Amino acid sequence: MTASCRTLIRVASPIHVPLQNEEKVLRRELPGHAEYCLRTRFRLIPFVW
């Protein structure tokens, strides 16, 4: 694994868990968010995440 891949993993890992929790809350409490998630695959960084 290259150094750039390791760096990307170190940067993205701490962000991933809070984002998952936020998505759960939005799906539960925001009308229409679940349908939006079905239409929009990449919501944070286009074509990446």
PDB file of N, CA and C in Angstrom:
ATOM      1  N   MET A   1       0.855  -1.173   0.000  1.00  0.00           N
ATOM      2  CA  MET A   1       0.000   0.000   0.000  1.00  0.00           C
ATOM      3  C   MET A   1       0.903   1.240   0.000  1.00  0.00           C
ATOM      4  N   THR A   2       0.575   2.178  -0.841  1.00  0.00           N
ATOM      5  CA  THR A   2       1.405   3.380  -0.950  1.00  0.00           C
ATOM      6  C   THR A   2       1.119   4.339   0.198  1.00  0.00           C
ATOM      7  N   ALA A   3       2.047   5.250   0.381  1.00  0.00           N
ATOM      8  CA  ALA A   3       1.901   6.241   1.460  1.00  0.00           C
ATOM      9  C   ALA A   3       0.665   7.104   1.254  1.00  0.00           C
ATOM     10  N   SER A   4       0.360   7.433   0.002  1.00  0.00           N
ATOM     11  CA  SER A   4      -0.816   8.278  -0.252  1.00  0.00           C
ATOM     12  C   SER A   4      -2.108   7.546   0.099  1.00  0.00           C
ATOM     13  N   CYS A   5      -2.154   6.250  -0.130  1.00  0.00           N
ATOM     14  CA  CYS A   5      -3.343   5.474   0.250  1.00  0.00           C
ATOM     15  C   CYS A   5      -3.490   5.416   1.759  1.00  0.00           C
ATOM     16  N   ARG A   6      -2.381   5.211   2.455  1.00  0.00           N
ATOM     17  CA  ARG A   6      -2.437   5.185   3.923  1.00  0.00           C
ATOM     18  C   ARG A   6      -2.885   6.528   4.478  1.00  0.00           C
ATOM     19  N   THR A   7      -2.405   7.595   3.877  1.00  0.00           N
ATOM     20  CA  THR A   7      -2.804   8.932   4.320  1.00  0.00           C
ATOM     21  C   THR A   7      -4.290   9.147   4.094  1.00  0.00           C
ATOM     22  N   LEU A   8      -4.787   8.738   2.957  1.00  0.00           N
ATOM     23  CA  LEU A   8      -6.212   8.875   2.662  1.00  0.00           C
ATOM     24  C   LEU A   8      -7.050   8.109   3.675  1.00  0.00           C
ATOM     25  N   ILE A   9      -6.625   6.915   4.020  1.00  0.00           N
ATOM     26  CA  ILE A   9      -7.361   6.115   5.001  1.00  0.00           C
ATOM     27  C   ILE A   9      -7.347   6.792   6.369  1.00  0.00           C
ATOM     28  N   ARG A  10      -6.208   7.331   6.762  1.00  0.00           N
ATOM     29  CA  ARG A  10      -6.121   8.019   8.057  1.00  0.00           C
ATOM     30  C   ARG A  10      -7.005   9.256   8.119  1.00  0.00           C
ATOM     31  N   VAL A  11      -7.124   9.951   7.004  1.00  0.00           N
ATOM     32  CA  VAL A  11      -7.935  11.165   6.974  1.00  0.00           C
ATOM     33  C   VAL A  11      -9.415  10.823   6.912  1.00  0.00           C
ATOM     34  N   ALA A  12      -9.781   9.840   6.118  1.00  0.00           N
ATOM     35  CA  ALA A  12     -11.192   9.528   5.899  1.00  0.00           C
ATOM     36  C   ALA A  12     -11.819   8.734   7.042  1.00  0.00           C
ATOM     37  N   SER A  13     -11.055   7.917   7.719  1.00  0.00           N
ATOM     38  CA  SER A  13     -11.621   7.056   8.757  1.00  0.00           C
ATOM     39  C   SER A  13     -12.321   7.820   9.878  1.00  0.00           C
ATOM     40  N   PRO A  14     -11.716   8.860  10.458  1.00  0.00           N
ATOM     41  CA  PRO A  14     -12.408   9.568  11.545  1.00  0.00           C
ATOM     42  C   PRO A  14     -13.660  10.305  11.080  1.00  0.00           C
ATOM     43  N   ILE A  15     -13.758  10.593   9.811  1.00  0.00           N
ATOM     44  CA  ILE A  15     -14.916  11.303   9.269  1.00  0.00           C
ATOM     45  C   ILE A  15     -16.067  10.341   9.013  1.00  0.00           C
ATOM     46  N   HIS A  16     -15.766   9.098   8.723  1.00  0.00           N
ATOM     47  CA  HIS A  16     -16.757   8.127   8.266  1.00  0.00           C
ATOM     48  C   HIS A  16     -17.847   7.842   9.303  1.00  0.00           C
ATOM     49  N   VAL A  17     -17.489   7.604  10.541  1.00  0.00           N
ATOM     50  CA  VAL A  17     -18.480   7.233  11.565  1.00  0.00           C
ATOM     51  C   VAL A  17     -19.466   8.367  11.838  1.00  0.00           C
ATOM     52  N   PRO A  18     -18.996   9.609  12.060  1.00  0.00           N
ATOM     53  CA  PRO A  18     -19.974  10.685  12.269  1.00  0.00           C
ATOM     54  C   PRO A  18     -20.898  10.888  11.067  1.00  0.00           C
ATOM     55  N   LEU A  19     -20.377  10.691   9.860  1.00  0.00           N
ATOM     56  CA  LEU A  19     -21.218  10.848   8.678  1.00  0.00           C
ATOM     57  C   LEU A  19     -22.294   9.774   8.602  1.00  0.00           C
ATOM     58  N   GLN A  20     -21.942   8.557   8.986  1.00  0.00           N
ATOM     59  CA  GLN A  20     -22.942   7.492   9.004  1.00  0.00           C
ATOM     60  C   GLN A  20     -24.043   7.810  10.013  1.00  0.00           C
ATOM     61  N   ASN A  21     -23.657   8.312  11.169  1.00  0.00           N
ATOM     62  CA  ASN A  21     -24.658   8.674  12.177  1.00  0.00           C
ATOM     63  C   ASN A  21     -25.550   9.801  11.677  1.00  0.00           C
ATOM     64  N   GLU A  22     -24.956  10.778  11.010  1.00  0.00           N
ATOM     65  CA  GLU A  22     -25.745  11.880  10.475  1.00  0.00           C
ATOM     66  C   GLU A  22     -26.732  11.392   9.416  1.00  0.00           C
ATOM     67  N   GLU A  23     -26.296  10.478   8.563  1.00  0.00           N
ATOM     68  CA  GLU A  23     -27.197   9.926   7.548  1.00  0.00           C
ATOM     69  C   GLU A  23     -28.375   9.205   8.190  1.00  0.00           C
ATOM     70  N   LYS A  24     -28.130   8.454   9.248  1.00  0.00           N
ATOM     71  CA  LYS A  24     -29.219   7.754   9.945  1.00  0.00           C
ATOM     72  C   LYS A  24     -30.249   8.738  10.484  1.00  0.00           C
ATOM     73  N   VAL A  25     -29.765   9.812  11.093  1.00  0.00           N
ATOM     74  CA  VAL A  25     -30.671  10.816  11.656  1.00  0.00           C
ATOM     75  C   VAL A  25     -31.458  11.498  10.537  1.00  0.00           C
ATOM     76  N   LEU A  26     -30.786  11.862   9.467  1.00  0.00           N
ATOM     77  CA  LEU A  26     -31.473  12.528   8.363  1.00  0.00           C
ATOM     78  C   LEU A  26     -32.524  11.623   7.738  1.00  0.00           C
ATOM     79  N   ARG A  27     -32.199  10.358   7.532  1.00  0.00           N
ATOM     80  CA  ARG A  27     -33.186   9.428   6.957  1.00  0.00           C
ATOM     81  C   ARG A  27     -34.404   9.291   7.856  1.00  0.00           C
ATOM     82  N   ARG A  28     -34.158   9.302   9.165  1.00  0.00           N
ATOM     83  CA  ARG A  28     -35.254   9.112  10.131  1.00  0.00           C
ATOM     84  C   ARG A  28     -36.103  10.371  10.283  1.00  0.00           C
ATOM     85  N   GLU A  29     -35.463  11.546  10.275  1.00  0.00           N
ATOM     86  CA  GLU A  29     -36.174  12.762  10.662  1.00  0.00           C
ATOM     87  C   GLU A  29     -36.495  13.729   9.520  1.00  0.00           C
ATOM     88  N   LEU A  30     -35.872  13.567   8.378  1.00  0.00           N
ATOM     89  CA  LEU A  30     -36.083  14.499   7.272  1.00  0.00           C
ATOM     90  C   LEU A  30     -36.904  13.829   6.178  1.00  0.00           C
ATOM     91  N   PRO A  31     -38.130  14.282   5.976  1.00  0.00           N
ATOM     92  CA  PRO A  31     -38.966  13.664   4.949  1.00  0.00           C
ATOM     93  C   PRO A  31     -38.306  13.773   3.566  1.00  0.00           C
ATOM     94  N   GLY A  32     -38.294  12.659   2.866  1.00  0.00           N
ATOM     95  CA  GLY A  32     -37.756  12.650   1.512  1.00  0.00           C
ATOM     96  C   GLY A  32     -36.262  12.373   1.419  1.00  0.00           C
ATOM     97  N   HIS A  33     -35.563  12.326   2.547  1.00  0.00           N
ATOM     98  CA  HIS A  33     -34.113  12.115   2.487  1.00  0.00           C
ATOM     99  C   HIS A  33     -33.765  10.702   2.025  1.00  0.00           C
ATOM    100  N   ALA A  34     -34.534   9.718   2.410  1.00  0.00           N
ATOM    101  CA  ALA A  34     -34.262   8.340   1.980  1.00  0.00           C
ATOM    102  C   ALA A  34     -34.357   8.222   0.462  1.00  0.00           C
ATOM    103  N   GLU A  35     -35.358   8.866  -0.130  1.00  0.00           N
ATOM    104  CA  GLU A  35     -35.499   8.843  -1.583  1.00  0.00           C
ATOM    105  C   GLU A  35     -34.347   9.596  -2.254  1.00  0.00           C
ATOM    106  N   TYR A  36     -33.931  10.693  -1.643  1.00  0.00           N
ATOM    107  CA  TYR A  36     -32.787  11.447  -2.155  1.00  0.00           C
ATOM    108  C   TYR A  36     -31.535  10.568  -2.175  1.00  0.00           C
ATOM    109  N   CYS A  37     -31.343   9.787  -1.121  1.00  0.00           N
ATOM    110  CA  CYS A  37     -30.170   8.911  -1.054  1.00  0.00           C
ATOM    111  C   CYS A  37     -30.207   7.845  -2.145  1.00  0.00           C
ATOM    112  N   LEU A  38     -31.394   7.390  -2.489  1.00  0.00           N
ATOM    113  CA  LEU A  38     -31.507   6.409  -3.565  1.00  0.00           C
ATOM    114  C   LEU A  38     -31.138   7.016  -4.913  1.00  0.00           C
ATOM    115  N   ARG A  39     -31.474   8.288  -5.116  1.00  0.00           N
ATOM    116  CA  ARG A  39     -31.172   8.966  -6.386  1.00  0.00           C
ATOM    117  C   ARG A  39     -29.733   9.442  -6.464  1.00  0.00           C
ATOM    118  N   THR A  40     -29.147   9.800  -5.325  1.00  0.00           N
ATOM    119  CA  THR A  40     -27.840  10.440  -5.292  1.00  0.00           C
ATOM    120  C   THR A  40     -26.856   9.531  -4.561  1.00  0.00           C
ATOM    121  N   ARG A  41     -26.007   8.864  -5.323  1.00  0.00           N
ATOM    122  CA  ARG A  41     -25.082   7.909  -4.717  1.00  0.00           C
ATOM    123  C   ARG A  41     -23.950   8.612  -3.965  1.00  0.00           C
ATOM    124  N   PHE A  42     -23.355   9.618  -4.570  1.00  0.00           N
ATOM    125  CA  PHE A  42     -22.220  10.321  -3.963  1.00  0.00           C
ATOM    126  C   PHE A  42     -22.703  11.660  -3.434  1.00  0.00           C
ATOM    127  N   ARG A  43     -22.772  11.804  -2.112  1.00  0.00           N
ATOM    128  CA  ARG A  43     -23.330  13.020  -1.536  1.00  0.00           C
ATOM    129  C   ARG A  43     -22.289  13.935  -0.905  1.00  0.00           C
ATOM    130  N   LEU A  44     -21.105  13.435  -0.605  1.00  0.00           N
ATOM    131  CA  LEU A  44     -20.101  14.263   0.056  1.00  0.00           C
ATOM    132  C   LEU A  44     -19.062  14.780  -0.953  1.00  0.00           C
ATOM    133  N   ILE A  45     -18.416  13.871  -1.647  1.00  0.00           N
ATOM    134  CA  ILE A  45     -17.432  14.214  -2.668  1.00  0.00           C
ATOM    135  C   ILE A  45     -17.885  13.532  -3.959  1.00  0.00           C
ATOM    136  N   PRO A  46     -18.211  14.312  -4.994  1.00  0.00           N
ATOM    137  CA  PRO A  46     -18.724  13.704  -6.234  1.00  0.00           C
ATOM    138  C   PRO A  46     -17.809  12.608  -6.781  1.00  0.00           C
ATOM    139  N   PHE A  47     -18.403  11.480  -7.135  1.00  0.00           N
ATOM    140  CA  PHE A  47     -17.749  10.312  -7.714  1.00  0.00           C
ATOM    141  C   PHE A  47     -16.775   9.614  -6.765  1.00  0.00           C
ATOM    142  N   VAL A  48     -16.732  10.033  -5.495  1.00  0.00           N
ATOM    143  CA  VAL A  48     -15.828   9.404  -4.532  1.00  0.00           C
ATOM    144  C   VAL A  48     -16.615   8.867  -3.349  1.00  0.00           C
ATOM    145  N   TRP A  49     -17.401   9.721  -2.681  1.00  0.00           N
ATOM    146  CA  TRP A  49     -18.041   9.322  -1.436  1.00  0.00           C
ATOM    147  C   TRP A  49     -19.423   9.888  -1.350  1.00  0.00           C
TER     148      TRP A  49
END
